[in-house]
Amino acid sequence: MKNKEKIICNYCGGHDLKKRTNSFYEIEPYGEKVEVKEKILKCMACGEEINYTYNYTKEFENAVRISEESSVRNILDYFNTQKIKLKEIEESLGLPIRTLSRWKNRMNYSKIGLTLLRIVRSYPWIIYVAARRFDKKIVDEAFKKAAMEKFDLVENKELQTIIVINSNVGASFEYKAKQTNLTYPYSIRNNNFCLKQGVK
């Protein structure tokens, strides 16, 4: 192995190391999995093994980067499929205009930005409460409704959640029947959900 003499056993200080390689997949949240060669050294003096993949190889760092970038693309594509405009997300979260587009096209996001995307992707109703300036009652209602849906406590299980953002009132939940074109928007009035039926 190249530069083998520079790596010593962490346990006995020995230099007689034998290399073996395994394959594993690195995957970031919402990202694609990337194959990585796991490099392990076995000390022939004491028998201990050293996995130097994470600390000594650029291959692992590159795999993390590839998976992270695919995570950003996948999350932003998900918003697009849900018909949630990036501009509306930026307005709700107070982000500068075209921030999300730059993250997707140039991949110049920060770790904080990446974490923010993952939070919003995991809990899309955060867009709604952000648009309502994180009013505590709104947060409580949105959290309760999301929990009810998660555990199948919503009365009509044929309805699926769609988040609709309105520039005038901030945002609202909308429930759409899976096999019809009927929509059932939930709006906030006096901090309570009220069901109104309409035809889209």
Protein backbone atom coordinates (compact mmCIF):
# COMPACT_ATOMS: atom_id res chain seq x y z
CA MET A 1 0.00 0.00 0.00
CA LYS A 2 1.28 3.47 -0.86
CA ASN A 3 2.67 5.37 2.15
CA LYS A 4 2.03 2.30 4.26
CA GLU A 5 4.95 3.15 6.52
CA LYS A 6 3.18 6.35 7.66
CA ILE A 7 0.29 4.44 9.25
CA ILE A 8 0.99 2.56 12.46
CA CYS A 9 -1.12 0.36 14.68
CA ASN A 10 -3.08 2.41 17.23
CA TYR A 11 -2.66 -0.31 19.83
CA CYS A 12 0.93 -1.54 19.67
CA GLY A 13 2.62 0.92 17.32
CA GLY A 14 3.49 -1.81 14.86
CA HIS A 15 4.17 -1.11 11.19
CA ASP A 16 3.44 -4.54 9.75
CA LEU A 17 -0.08 -3.95 8.46
CA LYS A 18 -2.06 -6.05 6.00
CA LYS A 19 -4.84 -4.41 3.97
CA ARG A 20 -8.26 -5.79 3.06
CA THR A 21 -11.20 -4.07 1.37
CA ASN A 22 -14.96 -4.28 1.89
CA SER A 23 -17.78 -2.46 0.12
CA PHE A 24 -20.54 -0.51 1.83
CA TYR A 25 -22.99 2.22 0.85
CA GLU A 26 -23.02 5.77 2.16
CA ILE A 27 -26.42 7.43 2.04
CA GLU A 28 -27.43 10.84 3.32
CA PRO A 29 -31.06 11.58 4.33
CA TYR A 30 -33.20 11.74 1.15
CA GLY A 31 -30.07 11.18 -0.92
CA GLU A 32 -28.91 8.43 -3.23
CA LYS A 33 -26.70 5.65 -1.96
CA VAL A 34 -23.08 5.71 -3.10
CA GLU A 35 -20.78 2.72 -2.96
CA VAL A 36 -17.61 3.17 -0.93
CA LYS A 37 -14.65 0.86 -0.57
CA GLU A 38 -14.02 0.32 3.12
CA LYS A 39 -10.28 0.00 3.73
CA ILE A 40 -9.21 -1.97 6.78
CA LEU A 41 -5.68 -2.64 8.01
CA LYS A 42 -4.85 -5.57 10.24
CA CYS A 43 -1.80 -5.37 12.47
CA MET A 44 0.18 -8.58 12.07
CA ALA A 45 1.88 -7.99 15.41
CA CYS A 46 -1.13 -7.74 17.74
CA GLY A 47 -4.01 -8.76 15.49
CA GLU A 48 -6.00 -5.53 15.90
CA GLU A 49 -7.78 -4.04 12.91
CA ILE A 50 -7.84 -0.37 11.92
CA ASN A 51 -10.59 1.06 9.72
CA TYR A 52 -9.11 4.19 8.18
CA THR A 53 -11.87 4.75 5.59
CA TYR A 54 -13.52 7.68 7.38
CA ASN A 55 -10.39 9.58 8.38
CA TYR A 56 -7.83 8.89 5.68
CA THR A 57 -9.62 8.59 2.35
CA LYS A 58 -11.01 11.22 0.01
CA GLU A 59 -13.19 8.52 -1.49
CA PHE A 60 -15.45 8.59 1.57
CA GLU A 61 -15.62 12.39 1.56
CA ASN A 62 -16.54 12.30 -2.13
CA ALA A 63 -19.28 9.73 -1.51
CA VAL A 64 -20.79 11.94 1.21
CA ARG A 65 -20.71 14.95 -1.14
CA ILE A 66 -22.41 13.05 -3.98
CA SER A 67 -25.12 11.72 -1.68
CA GLU A 68 -25.65 15.17 -0.12
CA GLU A 69 -26.03 16.85 -3.51
CA SER A 70 -28.54 14.24 -4.63
CA SER A 71 -30.38 14.86 -1.35
CA VAL A 72 -30.76 18.56 -2.19
CA ARG A 73 -32.02 17.78 -5.70
CA ASN A 74 -34.44 15.11 -4.49
CA ILE A 75 -35.92 17.35 -1.80
CA LEU A 76 -36.44 20.29 -4.15
CA ASP A 77 -37.87 17.98 -6.83
CA TYR A 78 -40.28 16.64 -4.21
CA PHE A 79 -41.57 20.15 -3.53
CA ASN A 80 -42.08 20.57 -7.26
CA THR A 81 -44.11 17.35 -7.52
CA GLN A 82 -46.24 18.55 -4.61
CA LYS A 83 -46.77 21.84 -6.48
CA ILE A 84 -45.12 23.82 -3.70
CA LYS A 85 -43.26 26.67 -5.38
CA LEU A 86 -39.72 27.39 -4.22
CA LYS A 87 -40.52 31.10 -4.15
CA GLU A 88 -43.35 30.47 -1.70
CA ILE A 89 -41.10 28.39 0.55
CA GLU A 90 -38.51 31.16 0.52
CA GLU A 91 -41.13 33.75 1.46
CA SER A 92 -42.48 31.59 4.27
CA LEU A 93 -39.03 30.89 5.73
CA GLY A 94 -37.66 34.39 5.15
CA LEU A 95 -34.97 33.24 2.72
CA PRO A 96 -33.52 35.59 0.10
CA ILE A 97 -35.11 35.28 -3.33
CA ARG A 98 -33.84 32.40 -5.53
CA THR A 99 -31.89 30.88 -2.63
CA LEU A 100 -33.32 27.40 -3.23
CA SER A 101 -32.73 27.63 -6.97
CA ARG A 102 -29.07 28.47 -6.36
CA TRP A 103 -28.74 25.55 -3.98
CA LYS A 104 -30.15 23.21 -6.60
CA ASN A 105 -28.29 24.55 -9.64
CA ARG A 106 -24.94 25.49 -8.13
CA MET A 107 -24.82 23.22 -5.09
CA ASN A 108 -23.49 26.08 -2.96
CA TYR A 109 -25.65 25.27 0.05
CA SER A 110 -24.37 25.35 3.62
CA LYS A 111 -24.70 22.63 6.24
CA ILE A 112 -27.33 24.77 7.96
CA GLY A 113 -29.21 25.14 4.68
CA LEU A 114 -29.07 21.40 4.07
CA THR A 115 -30.43 20.73 7.56
CA LEU A 116 -33.24 23.24 6.96
CA LEU A 117 -34.22 21.48 3.73
CA ARG A 118 -34.34 18.12 5.47
CA ILE A 119 -36.48 19.47 8.27
CA VAL A 120 -38.98 21.00 5.84
CA ARG A 121 -39.01 17.81 3.75
CA SER A 122 -39.63 15.68 6.85
CA TYR A 123 -42.31 18.02 8.22
CA PRO A 124 -43.85 19.96 5.28
CA TRP A 125 -46.41 21.59 7.61
CA ILE A 126 -43.55 23.75 8.90
CA ILE A 127 -44.00 25.81 5.71
CA TYR A 128 -47.55 26.47 6.85
CA VAL A 129 -46.69 27.56 10.39
CA ALA A 130 -43.76 29.63 9.13
CA ALA A 131 -46.12 31.52 6.83
CA ARG A 132 -48.26 32.20 9.92
CA ARG A 133 -45.22 33.58 11.78
CA PHE A 134 -45.02 30.52 14.05
CA ASP A 135 -48.08 31.47 16.04
CA LYS A 136 -48.15 28.99 18.94
CA LYS A 137 -51.79 28.04 18.48
CA ILE A 138 -51.24 27.50 14.77
CA VAL A 139 -48.17 25.38 15.51
CA ASP A 140 -50.14 23.27 17.99
CA GLU A 141 -53.01 22.72 15.55
CA ALA A 142 -50.70 21.86 12.66
CA PHE A 143 -48.66 19.47 14.79
CA LYS A 144 -51.80 17.78 16.09
CA LYS A 145 -53.21 17.34 12.60
CA ALA A 146 -49.92 15.96 11.27
CA ALA A 147 -49.79 13.49 14.16
CA MET A 148 -53.38 12.39 13.53
CA GLU A 149 -52.59 11.72 9.89
CA LYS A 150 -49.41 9.87 10.78
CA PHE A 151 -51.26 7.45 13.00
CA ASP A 152 -54.35 7.14 10.76
CA LEU A 153 -56.64 9.07 13.08
CA VAL A 154 -58.11 11.23 10.33
CA GLU A 155 -61.74 10.24 9.78
CA ASN A 156 -61.57 10.06 5.99
CA LYS A 157 -58.53 8.00 5.10
CA GLU A 158 -59.16 8.53 1.38
CA LEU A 159 -57.96 12.11 1.68
CA GLN A 160 -54.39 13.10 1.15
CA THR A 161 -52.73 16.27 2.42
CA ILE A 162 -51.74 19.05 0.07
CA ILE A 163 -50.19 22.27 1.35
CA VAL A 164 -51.48 25.39 -0.34
CA ILE A 165 -49.76 28.72 0.22
CA ASN A 166 -51.79 31.87 -0.27
CA SER A 167 -49.98 35.19 -0.45
CA ASN A 168 -52.82 36.90 1.41
CA VAL A 169 -53.33 34.62 4.39
CA GLY A 170 -50.01 32.78 4.46
CA ALA A 171 -50.88 29.13 3.88
CA SER A 172 -53.55 26.53 4.33
CA PHE A 173 -53.91 22.78 4.34
CA GLU A 174 -55.95 21.24 1.57
CA TYR A 175 -57.25 17.70 1.48
CA LYS A 176 -57.83 16.14 -1.90
CA ALA A 177 -59.75 12.94 -2.51
CA LYS A 178 -57.38 10.49 -4.17
CA GLN A 179 -59.81 9.34 -6.85
CA THR A 180 -61.88 12.46 -7.44
CA ASN A 181 -61.30 16.08 -8.28
CA LEU A 182 -62.98 17.32 -5.11
CA THR A 183 -60.92 19.33 -2.69
CA TYR A 184 -61.54 20.01 0.98
CA PRO A 185 -59.53 23.04 2.06
CA TYR A 186 -58.84 23.64 5.73
CA SER A 187 -58.52 27.30 6.61
CA ILE A 188 -57.66 28.94 9.89
CA ARG A 189 -60.28 31.16 11.49
CA ASN A 190 -59.97 32.15 15.11
CA ASN A 191 -57.09 29.67 15.32
CA ASN A 192 -59.41 26.72 14.63
CA PHE A 193 -59.61 24.44 11.62
CA CYS A 194 -62.89 24.70 9.74
CA LEU A 195 -63.79 22.33 6.92
CA LYS A 196 -65.15 23.79 3.72
CA GLN A 197 -66.02 21.65 0.72
CA GLY A 198 -65.41 22.86 -2.80
CA VAL A 199 -64.91 21.62 -6.31
CA LYS A 200 -61.54 22.26 -7.87
